[in-house]
Amino acid sequence: MYIPRSILMLLVIIYLLFLLTVDWINASGELWYRPFIVGFLVILVASWAHRDQEQDEP
C-alpha cells in the first residue's frame, strides 16, 4: 500500500504534537490560540509537501 509523502508527514506531525496540545489546552492562560497556530503550520507544511509531489507527475 502506497502512502503519499504529504499524508505520512501530516500524520507524524499530528501524532507528535498531540501530547503538547493536550497540555496547552488544559493550561488556562493568555495563549489559548497557540494550538491553532501550530495546527495552521502543520497544514502549511503538508500542503507544501503535496505541491512538490504533484510536479513530478506527467
Protein backbone atom coordinates (compact mmCIF):
# COMPACT_ATOMS: atom_id res chain seq x y z
CA MET A 1 0.00 0.00 0.00
CA TYR A 2 1.38 3.37 -1.04
CA ILE A 3 1.02 6.28 1.38
CA PRO A 4 1.76 9.70 -0.13
CA ARG A 5 4.64 11.53 1.48
CA SER A 6 2.47 14.53 2.39
CA ILE A 7 -0.11 12.38 4.20
CA LEU A 8 2.57 10.46 6.08
CA MET A 9 4.27 13.70 7.14
CA LEU A 10 0.96 15.16 8.29
CA LEU A 11 0.12 12.08 10.37
CA VAL A 12 3.53 12.00 12.06
CA ILE A 13 3.42 15.70 12.93
CA ILE A 14 -0.13 15.45 14.27
CA TYR A 15 0.84 12.47 16.41
CA LEU A 16 3.90 14.22 17.85
CA LEU A 17 2.10 17.46 18.55
CA PHE A 18 -0.93 15.80 20.14
CA LEU A 19 0.78 15.49 23.51
CA LEU A 20 1.80 19.14 23.50
CA THR A 21 -1.63 20.39 22.52
CA VAL A 22 -3.32 18.43 25.30
CA ASP A 23 -1.13 20.23 27.84
CA TRP A 24 -1.69 23.59 26.14
CA ILE A 25 -5.47 23.17 26.10
CA ASN A 26 -5.63 22.11 29.75
CA ALA A 27 -3.47 25.04 30.87
CA SER A 28 -5.53 28.14 31.40
CA GLY A 29 -3.64 31.19 30.31
CA GLU A 30 -3.42 34.02 27.86
CA LEU A 31 -2.01 31.94 24.98
CA TRP A 32 -5.17 29.94 24.22
CA TYR A 33 -4.58 30.32 20.48
CA ARG A 34 -1.18 28.57 20.46
CA PRO A 35 -2.53 25.13 19.37
CA PHE A 36 -4.32 26.78 16.46
CA ILE A 37 -1.09 28.38 15.23
CA VAL A 38 0.67 25.02 15.41
CA GLY A 39 -2.18 23.38 13.53
CA PHE A 40 -2.03 26.05 10.84
CA LEU A 41 1.72 25.45 10.45
CA VAL A 42 1.11 21.71 10.10
CA ILE A 43 -1.41 22.36 7.32
CA LEU A 44 1.02 24.69 5.54
CA VAL A 45 3.85 22.13 5.65
CA ALA A 46 1.59 19.34 4.39
CA SER A 47 0.27 21.46 1.52
CA TRP A 48 3.82 22.47 0.58
CA ALA A 49 4.94 18.83 0.53
CA HIS A 50 1.90 17.84 -1.54
CA ARG A 51 2.59 20.64 -4.04
CA ASP A 52 6.13 19.36 -4.61
CA GLN A 53 4.84 15.84 -5.12
CA GLU A 54 2.37 16.82 -7.85
CA GLN A 55 5.07 18.44 -10.00
CA ASP A 56 6.72 15.04 -10.62
CA GLU A 57 3.62 13.62 -12.31
CA PRO A 58 3.35 13.88 -16.13
